[in-house]
Every structure is written in C-alpha cells, then in structure tokens.
Amino acid sequence: MATMAFRRVYVWEWPVRFYHWVTVACVAVLIGTGLVIGTPPAFLAGGDASSHYWFGTVRFLHFAAAFVFIFVFVLRLYWMFAGNAHASWRAFLPLTPSGIRRQVREALQVLRIDVFQIQTHPVDYVGHNALAAWSYVAIFAVTIFVSITGLALYAPMSGWWFPHLFTWVTPLLGGDANVRFWHHLMTWAFVLFTIIHVYLAVFHETVEAKGEISSMVSGTRFLDRT
C-alpha cells in the first residue's frame, strides 16, 4: 500500500450521483417515447380502438419521465448551492478574472487532449474539467428550454395549475407548431451530448485510470499523490 501512486478523494456526493443516474434513465425514456410521438408508426390491428391504447401509454411514459426529469434537475440546481465545491455553481461559472482565465486555459488543454490528441500529459483536475463544465452549462440551458416548452405543450391537456404557468411560451415562439419543432429539435442535442459524454468518460477512464466512470457509483476518484 505504501507504494500506491494514487489517493482516494470523495468528489461526487449522493445527490449528484442520484441526479446523474435518474437523468440517464429519464433521458432514455424521453428520447425513445419522444421520437415515437413525433413520428408515430402505423399499426394495423383488429378489434375496437379502445383496446389498443399503446400510443396513450407512450404519451403517459413521456409525461411521467418528464416530471421526474424536471424534479431531479431542480434538485441539482439546489445542490449547486448546498453541495461541496465540485458540485457548486462556481465550478461551472467562475466569476473572478483569474478563475475565468484558468478555466479557458484548462479548456484549451483538455480540447487538445480529447479532440486533437496533441498533448499527452493529462490535465490535473478533481471534479469537472473546464471543457466538461462548459458542456454542462450548455446542457443545463437545453434542459431548461425543453422543460418549459414541454410544459407549454402539456398545458392545454392538463387541469393542473403548474403547466399553465408556461402558456406564455407558445405565443412567444410563434405558435404550437413552432414549440413542437424546437422541443423536438432539442432531443437531438441530448442525443449528441450523450454520445460525446459516453465517449469522453470511457476515454478518460482508459487514459487516466482515475475512476472517471466508477466515481459516479462510489463518489470517489483517484488522484496523484502529491
């Protein structure tokens, strides 16, 4: 044990890990059901239409997953103020000039490694690296957008007061058809983010071997002993 080159550091608290895995499940359901809702397949079936309610089930799963998705996102926003330094909003958007310069410098370093692979020495970071922080800010913004457009689309068929708080979105975007278009378009933003996110998680796990993937289960990463 004395010759170990790494030390174990607790990074991701349970609310962050809970948000991550619940969001993974919700996004999978939302993308799958959303694509079916956007382009429903035609099935020929005998019997009365009331006995074939598969599309209603698809819509229910989409709505249920959407509300869970919104709930855990609100939990994550709260944890940006209640959690540790790695979960804090300051880890994503530093406000000091020195913090901004450090984030830009680190993002360029990570970009050279992850995309162009012209730098062999890995960037030393504990939580999210700067490039990951920027991508999460972008996906958080997309999350807010799909949430409010989804609630705007759901409001006309809901008797609950909460979705009706977002009816202003429909005239703002130019009507129901435009809201549906933008809501559906953002589905592909999540698809693209998921592909890149999984690739980079595996890449860093393989190259750095510091528990990039397992940290989202245990909460701990392995850092160089210094």
C-alpha atoms as a PDB file:
ATOM      1  CA  MET A   1       0.000   0.000   0.000  1.00  0.00           C
ATOM      2  CA  ALA A   2       2.933   2.347   0.685  1.00  0.00           C
ATOM      3  CA  THR A   3       3.885   2.267  -2.990  1.00  0.00           C
ATOM      4  CA  MET A   4       0.442   3.333  -4.270  1.00  0.00           C
ATOM      5  CA  ALA A   5       0.666   6.251  -6.700  1.00  0.00           C
ATOM      6  CA  PHE A   6      -2.903   7.434  -6.105  1.00  0.00           C
ATOM      7  CA  ARG A   7      -5.042   8.687  -3.237  1.00  0.00           C
ATOM      8  CA  ARG A   8      -8.790   8.265  -2.978  1.00  0.00           C
ATOM      9  CA  VAL A   9     -10.805  11.526  -2.878  1.00  0.00           C
ATOM     10  CA  TYR A  10     -14.549  11.807  -2.263  1.00  0.00           C
ATOM     11  CA  VAL A  11     -15.827  14.067  -5.049  1.00  0.00           C
ATOM     12  CA  TRP A  12     -19.441  13.370  -6.019  1.00  0.00           C
ATOM     13  CA  GLU A  13     -21.967  13.484  -3.183  1.00  0.00           C
ATOM     14  CA  TRP A  14     -25.034  11.251  -3.373  1.00  0.00           C
ATOM     15  CA  PRO A  15     -27.452  13.950  -4.706  1.00  0.00           C
ATOM     16  CA  VAL A  16     -25.138  14.481  -7.695  1.00  0.00           C
ATOM     17  CA  ARG A  17     -24.943  10.743  -8.369  1.00  0.00           C
ATOM     18  CA  PHE A  18     -28.701  10.380  -7.845  1.00  0.00           C
ATOM     19  CA  TYR A  19     -29.341  13.186 -10.338  1.00  0.00           C
ATOM     20  CA  HIS A  20     -26.955  11.655 -12.844  1.00  0.00           C
ATOM     21  CA  TRP A  21     -28.445   8.154 -12.945  1.00  0.00           C
ATOM     22  CA  VAL A  22     -32.091   9.201 -12.703  1.00  0.00           C
ATOM     23  CA  THR A  23     -31.468  11.660 -15.540  1.00  0.00           C
ATOM     24  CA  VAL A  24     -29.854   8.895 -17.603  1.00  0.00           C
ATOM     25  CA  ALA A  25     -32.990   6.767 -17.205  1.00  0.00           C
ATOM     26  CA  CYS A  26     -35.341   9.695 -17.876  1.00  0.00           C
ATOM     27  CA  VAL A  27     -33.480  10.860 -20.976  1.00  0.00           C
ATOM     28  CA  ALA A  28     -33.538   7.329 -22.409  1.00  0.00           C
ATOM     29  CA  VAL A  29     -37.322   7.130 -21.898  1.00  0.00           C
ATOM     30  CA  LEU A  30     -37.910  10.686 -23.120  1.00  0.00           C
ATOM     31  CA  ILE A  31     -35.880  10.248 -26.309  1.00  0.00           C
ATOM     32  CA  GLY A  32     -37.475   6.915 -27.127  1.00  0.00           C
ATOM     33  CA  THR A  33     -41.048   7.984 -26.460  1.00  0.00           C
ATOM     34  CA  GLY A  34     -40.472  11.446 -27.931  1.00  0.00           C
ATOM     35  CA  LEU A  35     -39.351  10.026 -31.254  1.00  0.00           C
ATOM     36  CA  VAL A  36     -42.436   7.798 -31.346  1.00  0.00           C
ATOM     37  CA  ILE A  37     -44.708  10.744 -30.507  1.00  0.00           C
ATOM     38  CA  GLY A  38     -43.039  12.905 -33.150  1.00  0.00           C
ATOM     39  CA  THR A  39     -43.320  10.231 -35.852  1.00  0.00           C
ATOM     40  CA  PRO A  40     -45.799   7.596 -34.707  1.00  0.00           C
ATOM     41  CA  PRO A  41     -45.688   4.291 -36.610  1.00  0.00           C
ATOM     42  CA  ALA A  42     -48.840   2.946 -38.217  1.00  0.00           C
ATOM     43  CA  PHE A  43     -50.068  -0.407 -36.925  1.00  0.00           C
ATOM     44  CA  LEU A  44     -52.898  -2.466 -38.349  1.00  0.00           C
ATOM     45  CA  ALA A  45     -54.841  -4.211 -35.607  1.00  0.00           C
ATOM     46  CA  GLY A  46     -58.228  -5.853 -35.366  1.00  0.00           C
ATOM     47  CA  GLY A  47     -60.782  -5.049 -32.708  1.00  0.00           C
ATOM     48  CA  ASP A  48     -62.063  -1.859 -31.162  1.00  0.00           C
ATOM     49  CA  ALA A  49     -59.697   1.111 -30.953  1.00  0.00           C
ATOM     50  CA  SER A  50     -60.234   1.366 -27.175  1.00  0.00           C
ATOM     51  CA  SER A  51     -58.478  -1.967 -26.712  1.00  0.00           C
ATOM     52  CA  HIS A  52     -55.309  -0.699 -28.408  1.00  0.00           C
ATOM     53  CA  TYR A  53     -54.045   2.104 -26.190  1.00  0.00           C
ATOM     54  CA  TRP A  54     -50.324   1.734 -26.883  1.00  0.00           C
ATOM     55  CA  PHE A  55     -49.889   5.337 -28.031  1.00  0.00           C
ATOM     56  CA  GLY A  56     -51.597   6.609 -24.883  1.00  0.00           C
ATOM     57  CA  THR A  57     -49.163   4.510 -22.862  1.00  0.00           C
ATOM     58  CA  VAL A  58     -46.252   6.029 -24.794  1.00  0.00           C
ATOM     59  CA  ARG A  59     -47.517   9.526 -24.020  1.00  0.00           C
ATOM     60  CA  PHE A  60     -48.012   8.665 -20.343  1.00  0.00           C
ATOM     61  CA  LEU A  61     -44.454   7.349 -20.074  1.00  0.00           C
ATOM     62  CA  HIS A  62     -43.174  10.520 -21.751  1.00  0.00           C
ATOM     63  CA  PHE A  63     -45.086  12.805 -19.365  1.00  0.00           C
ATOM     64  CA  ALA A  64     -44.155  10.788 -16.266  1.00  0.00           C
ATOM     65  CA  ALA A  65     -40.466  10.706 -17.188  1.00  0.00           C
ATOM     66  CA  ALA A  66     -40.603  14.441 -17.957  1.00  0.00           C
ATOM     67  CA  PHE A  67     -41.835  15.360 -14.485  1.00  0.00           C
ATOM     68  CA  VAL A  68     -39.219  13.152 -12.815  1.00  0.00           C
ATOM     69  CA  PHE A  69     -36.609  14.726 -15.120  1.00  0.00           C
ATOM     70  CA  ILE A  70     -37.675  18.226 -14.045  1.00  0.00           C
ATOM     71  CA  PHE A  71     -37.758  17.275 -10.352  1.00  0.00           C
ATOM     72  CA  VAL A  72     -34.213  15.903 -10.254  1.00  0.00           C
ATOM     73  CA  PHE A  73     -32.972  18.883 -12.274  1.00  0.00           C
ATOM     74  CA  VAL A  74     -34.409  21.243  -9.649  1.00  0.00           C
ATOM     75  CA  LEU A  75     -32.656  19.100  -7.016  1.00  0.00           C
ATOM     76  CA  ARG A  76     -29.385  19.504  -8.921  1.00  0.00           C
ATOM     77  CA  LEU A  77     -29.843  23.281  -9.127  1.00  0.00           C
ATOM     78  CA  TYR A  78     -30.417  23.360  -5.369  1.00  0.00           C
ATOM     79  CA  TRP A  79     -27.288  21.275  -4.806  1.00  0.00           C
ATOM     80  CA  MET A  80     -25.249  23.839  -6.695  1.00  0.00           C
ATOM     81  CA  PHE A  81     -25.693  25.998  -3.594  1.00  0.00           C
ATOM     82  CA  ALA A  82     -25.851  23.292  -0.902  1.00  0.00           C
ATOM     83  CA  GLY A  83     -23.235  20.820  -2.116  1.00  0.00           C
ATOM     84  CA  ASN A  84     -19.463  20.685  -1.988  1.00  0.00           C
ATOM     85  CA  ALA A  85     -17.071  22.701  -4.134  1.00  0.00           C
ATOM     86  CA  HIS A  86     -17.185  20.211  -7.013  1.00  0.00           C
ATOM     87  CA  ALA A  87     -20.981  20.464  -7.287  1.00  0.00           C
ATOM     88  CA  SER A  88     -21.101  24.239  -6.780  1.00  0.00           C
ATOM     89  CA  TRP A  89     -22.137  26.675  -9.485  1.00  0.00           C
ATOM     90  CA  ARG A  90     -18.697  28.265  -9.050  1.00  0.00           C
ATOM     91  CA  ALA A  91     -17.162  25.114 -10.525  1.00  0.00           C
ATOM     92  CA  PHE A  92     -19.114  25.808 -13.721  1.00  0.00           C
ATOM     93  CA  LEU A  93     -19.095  29.607 -13.906  1.00  0.00           C
ATOM     94  CA  PRO A  94     -16.224  31.268 -12.053  1.00  0.00           C
ATOM     95  CA  LEU A  95     -16.796  34.997 -11.691  1.00  0.00           C
ATOM     96  CA  THR A  96     -13.281  36.197 -10.970  1.00  0.00           C
ATOM     97  CA  PRO A  97     -10.933  37.181 -13.817  1.00  0.00           C
ATOM     98  CA  SER A  98      -8.315  34.684 -12.604  1.00  0.00           C
ATOM     99  CA  GLY A  99     -10.917  31.917 -12.441  1.00  0.00           C
ATOM    100  CA  ILE A 100     -12.110  32.666 -15.968  1.00  0.00           C
ATOM    101  CA  ARG A 101      -8.523  32.688 -17.300  1.00  0.00           C
ATOM    102  CA  ARG A 102      -7.797  29.386 -15.563  1.00  0.00           C
ATOM    103  CA  GLN A 103     -10.963  27.839 -16.991  1.00  0.00           C
ATOM    104  CA  VAL A 104     -10.161  28.974 -20.549  1.00  0.00           C
ATOM    105  CA  ARG A 105      -6.591  27.707 -20.264  1.00  0.00           C
ATOM    106  CA  GLU A 106      -7.731  24.352 -18.905  1.00  0.00           C
ATOM    107  CA  ALA A 107     -10.484  24.007 -21.532  1.00  0.00           C
ATOM    108  CA  LEU A 108      -7.927  24.516 -24.320  1.00  0.00           C
ATOM    109  CA  GLN A 109      -5.646  21.910 -22.754  1.00  0.00           C
ATOM    110  CA  VAL A 110      -8.455  19.369 -22.477  1.00  0.00           C
ATOM    111  CA  LEU A 111      -9.537  20.146 -26.046  1.00  0.00           C
ATOM    112  CA  ARG A 112      -6.040  19.368 -27.311  1.00  0.00           C
ATOM    113  CA  ILE A 113      -6.120  16.028 -25.493  1.00  0.00           C
ATOM    114  CA  ASP A 114      -9.701  14.919 -26.111  1.00  0.00           C
ATOM    115  CA  VAL A 115     -10.229  16.108 -29.678  1.00  0.00           C
ATOM    116  CA  PHE A 116      -6.884  16.697 -31.349  1.00  0.00           C
ATOM    117  CA  GLN A 117      -4.803  14.402 -29.092  1.00  0.00           C
ATOM    118  CA  ILE A 118      -1.721  16.584 -29.474  1.00  0.00           C
ATOM    119  CA  GLN A 119      -0.961  16.779 -25.759  1.00  0.00           C
ATOM    120  CA  THR A 120      -0.019  13.618 -23.908  1.00  0.00           C
ATOM    121  CA  HIS A 121       0.163  14.889 -20.332  1.00  0.00           C
ATOM    122  CA  PRO A 122      -3.333  14.833 -18.772  1.00  0.00           C
ATOM    123  CA  VAL A 123      -4.825  17.925 -17.149  1.00  0.00           C
ATOM    124  CA  ASP A 124      -4.862  17.749 -13.359  1.00  0.00           C
ATOM    125  CA  TYR A 125      -8.429  18.248 -12.099  1.00  0.00           C
ATOM    126  CA  VAL A 126     -10.599  16.825  -9.321  1.00  0.00           C
ATOM    127  CA  GLY A 127     -14.223  17.432 -10.304  1.00  0.00           C
ATOM    128  CA  HIS A 128     -15.276  18.510 -13.783  1.00  0.00           C
ATOM    129  CA  ASN A 129     -12.587  19.810 -16.073  1.00  0.00           C
ATOM    130  CA  ALA A 130     -13.265  23.200 -17.662  1.00  0.00           C
ATOM    131  CA  LEU A 131     -14.418  21.819 -21.012  1.00  0.00           C
ATOM    132  CA  ALA A 132     -16.852  19.492 -19.248  1.00  0.00           C
ATOM    133  CA  ALA A 133     -18.090  22.411 -17.141  1.00  0.00           C
ATOM    134  CA  TRP A 134     -18.904  24.399 -20.288  1.00  0.00           C
ATOM    135  CA  SER A 135     -20.721  21.434 -21.819  1.00  0.00           C
ATOM    136  CA  TYR A 136     -22.795  21.006 -18.656  1.00  0.00           C
ATOM    137  CA  VAL A 137     -23.749  24.672 -18.660  1.00  0.00           C
ATOM    138  CA  ALA A 138     -24.924  24.206 -22.248  1.00  0.00           C
ATOM    139  CA  ILE A 139     -26.910  21.046 -21.467  1.00  0.00           C
ATOM    140  CA  PHE A 140     -28.420  22.689 -18.375  1.00  0.00           C
ATOM    141  CA  ALA A 141     -29.647  25.512 -20.633  1.00  0.00           C
ATOM    142  CA  VAL A 142     -31.097  22.940 -23.054  1.00  0.00           C
ATOM    143  CA  THR A 143     -32.741  21.183 -20.090  1.00  0.00           C
ATOM    144  CA  ILE A 144     -34.470  24.402 -19.056  1.00  0.00           C
ATOM    145  CA  PHE A 145     -35.604  25.014 -22.637  1.00  0.00           C
ATOM    146  CA  VAL A 146     -37.050  21.533 -23.202  1.00  0.00           C
ATOM    147  CA  SER A 147     -38.724  21.663 -19.786  1.00  0.00           C
ATOM    148  CA  ILE A 148     -40.585  24.919 -20.380  1.00  0.00           C
ATOM    149  CA  THR A 149     -41.523  24.031 -23.968  1.00  0.00           C
ATOM    150  CA  GLY A 150     -42.691  20.609 -22.845  1.00  0.00           C
ATOM    151  CA  LEU A 151     -44.817  22.128 -20.089  1.00  0.00           C
ATOM    152  CA  ALA A 152     -46.256  24.612 -22.600  1.00  0.00           C
ATOM    153  CA  LEU A 153     -47.264  21.724 -24.867  1.00  0.00           C
ATOM    154  CA  TYR A 154     -48.728  19.796 -21.939  1.00  0.00           C
ATOM    155  CA  ALA A 155     -50.749  22.722 -20.523  1.00  0.00           C
ATOM    156  CA  PRO A 156     -53.787  22.518 -22.902  1.00  0.00           C
ATOM    157  CA  MET A 157     -54.415  18.892 -21.891  1.00  0.00           C
ATOM    158  CA  SER A 158     -53.788  19.360 -18.171  1.00  0.00           C
ATOM    159  CA  GLY A 159     -56.043  20.539 -15.384  1.00  0.00           C
ATOM    160  CA  TRP A 160     -53.073  21.138 -13.103  1.00  0.00           C
ATOM    161  CA  TRP A 161     -52.109  24.750 -12.478  1.00  0.00           C
ATOM    162  CA  PHE A 162     -48.358  24.232 -12.813  1.00  0.00           C
ATOM    163  CA  PRO A 163     -48.126  23.584 -16.598  1.00  0.00           C
ATOM    164  CA  HIS A 164     -50.376  26.602 -17.200  1.00  0.00           C
ATOM    165  CA  LEU A 165     -47.627  28.831 -15.798  1.00  0.00           C
ATOM    166  CA  PHE A 166     -45.813  28.246 -19.101  1.00  0.00           C
ATOM    167  CA  THR A 167     -48.568  29.006 -21.617  1.00  0.00           C
ATOM    168  CA  TRP A 168     -46.753  32.245 -22.484  1.00  0.00           C
ATOM    169  CA  VAL A 169     -44.094  30.166 -24.258  1.00  0.00           C
ATOM    170  CA  THR A 170     -46.427  29.213 -27.132  1.00  0.00           C
ATOM    171  CA  PRO A 171     -47.181  32.755 -28.418  1.00  0.00           C
ATOM    172  CA  LEU A 172     -43.575  33.775 -27.732  1.00  0.00           C
ATOM    173  CA  LEU A 173     -42.260  31.096 -30.103  1.00  0.00           C
ATOM    174  CA  GLY A 174     -44.932  31.750 -32.718  1.00  0.00           C
ATOM    175  CA  GLY A 175     -47.494  29.053 -32.069  1.00  0.00           C
ATOM    176  CA  ASP A 176     -47.914  25.415 -31.135  1.00  0.00           C
ATOM    177  CA  ALA A 177     -46.190  24.077 -34.258  1.00  0.00           C
ATOM    178  CA  ASN A 178     -43.032  26.067 -33.566  1.00  0.00           C
ATOM    179  CA  VAL A 179     -42.973  24.960 -29.924  1.00  0.00           C
ATOM    180  CA  ARG A 180     -43.195  21.332 -31.054  1.00  0.00           C
ATOM    181  CA  PHE A 181     -40.443  21.871 -33.621  1.00  0.00           C
ATOM    182  CA  TRP A 182     -37.998  23.371 -31.121  1.00  0.00           C
ATOM    183  CA  HIS A 183     -38.910  20.870 -28.419  1.00  0.00           C
ATOM    184  CA  HIS A 184     -38.273  18.006 -30.835  1.00  0.00           C
ATOM    185  CA  LEU A 185     -35.064  19.578 -32.152  1.00  0.00           C
ATOM    186  CA  MET A 186     -33.577  19.692 -28.658  1.00  0.00           C
ATOM    187  CA  THR A 187     -33.997  15.915 -28.496  1.00  0.00           C
ATOM    188  CA  TRP A 188     -31.050  15.672 -30.862  1.00  0.00           C
ATOM    189  CA  ALA A 189     -28.999  17.948 -28.619  1.00  0.00           C
ATOM    190  CA  PHE A 190     -29.398  15.335 -25.878  1.00  0.00           C
ATOM    191  CA  VAL A 191     -28.539  12.543 -28.305  1.00  0.00           C
ATOM    192  CA  LEU A 192     -25.356  14.355 -29.389  1.00  0.00           C
ATOM    193  CA  PHE A 193     -24.407  15.201 -25.797  1.00  0.00           C
ATOM    194  CA  THR A 194     -24.923  11.578 -24.706  1.00  0.00           C
ATOM    195  CA  ILE A 195     -22.684  10.216 -27.459  1.00  0.00           C
ATOM    196  CA  ILE A 196     -19.878  12.683 -26.680  1.00  0.00           C
ATOM    197  CA  HIS A 197     -20.292  12.269 -22.912  1.00  0.00           C
ATOM    198  CA  VAL A 198     -20.031   8.472 -23.018  1.00  0.00           C
ATOM    199  CA  TYR A 199     -17.057   8.594 -25.383  1.00  0.00           C
ATOM    200  CA  LEU A 200     -15.131  11.067 -23.201  1.00  0.00           C
ATOM    201  CA  ALA A 201     -15.957   9.186 -19.991  1.00  0.00           C
ATOM    202  CA  VAL A 202     -14.529   5.988 -21.483  1.00  0.00           C
ATOM    203  CA  PHE A 203     -11.581   7.903 -22.970  1.00  0.00           C
ATOM    204  CA  HIS A 204     -10.595   9.485 -19.653  1.00  0.00           C
ATOM    205  CA  GLU A 205     -11.184   6.221 -17.774  1.00  0.00           C
ATOM    206  CA  THR A 206      -8.858   4.435 -20.167  1.00  0.00           C
ATOM    207  CA  VAL A 207      -6.153   7.090 -20.477  1.00  0.00           C
ATOM    208  CA  GLU A 208      -6.042   8.484 -16.938  1.00  0.00           C
ATOM    209  CA  ALA A 209      -7.307   5.461 -14.949  1.00  0.00           C
ATOM    210  CA  LYS A 210      -8.557   7.657 -12.112  1.00  0.00           C
ATOM    211  CA  GLY A 211     -12.053   6.236 -11.728  1.00  0.00           C
ATOM    212  CA  GLU A 212     -13.895   8.555 -14.092  1.00  0.00           C
ATOM    213  CA  ILE A 213     -16.785   6.110 -14.554  1.00  0.00           C
ATOM    214  CA  SER A 214     -16.770   4.360 -11.181  1.00  0.00           C
ATOM    215  CA  SER A 215     -16.861   7.735  -9.417  1.00  0.00           C
ATOM    216  CA  MET A 216     -20.489   8.086 -10.476  1.00  0.00           C
ATOM    217  CA  VAL A 217     -21.219   4.968  -8.427  1.00  0.00           C
ATOM    218  CA  SER A 218     -18.913   5.311  -5.445  1.00  0.00           C
ATOM    219  CA  GLY A 219     -18.482   9.097  -5.463  1.00  0.00           C
ATOM    220  CA  THR A 220     -14.682   8.805  -5.249  1.00  0.00           C
ATOM    221  CA  ARG A 221     -11.901   9.389  -7.741  1.00  0.00           C
ATOM    222  CA  PHE A 222      -8.216   8.537  -7.601  1.00  0.00           C
ATOM    223  CA  LEU A 223      -5.733  11.399  -7.748  1.00  0.00           C
ATOM    224  CA  ASP A 224      -1.971  11.503  -7.961  1.00  0.00           C
ATOM    225  CA  ARG A 225      -0.242  11.513  -4.607  1.00  0.00           C
ATOM    226  CA  THR A 226       1.422  14.913  -4.259  1.00  0.00           C
END
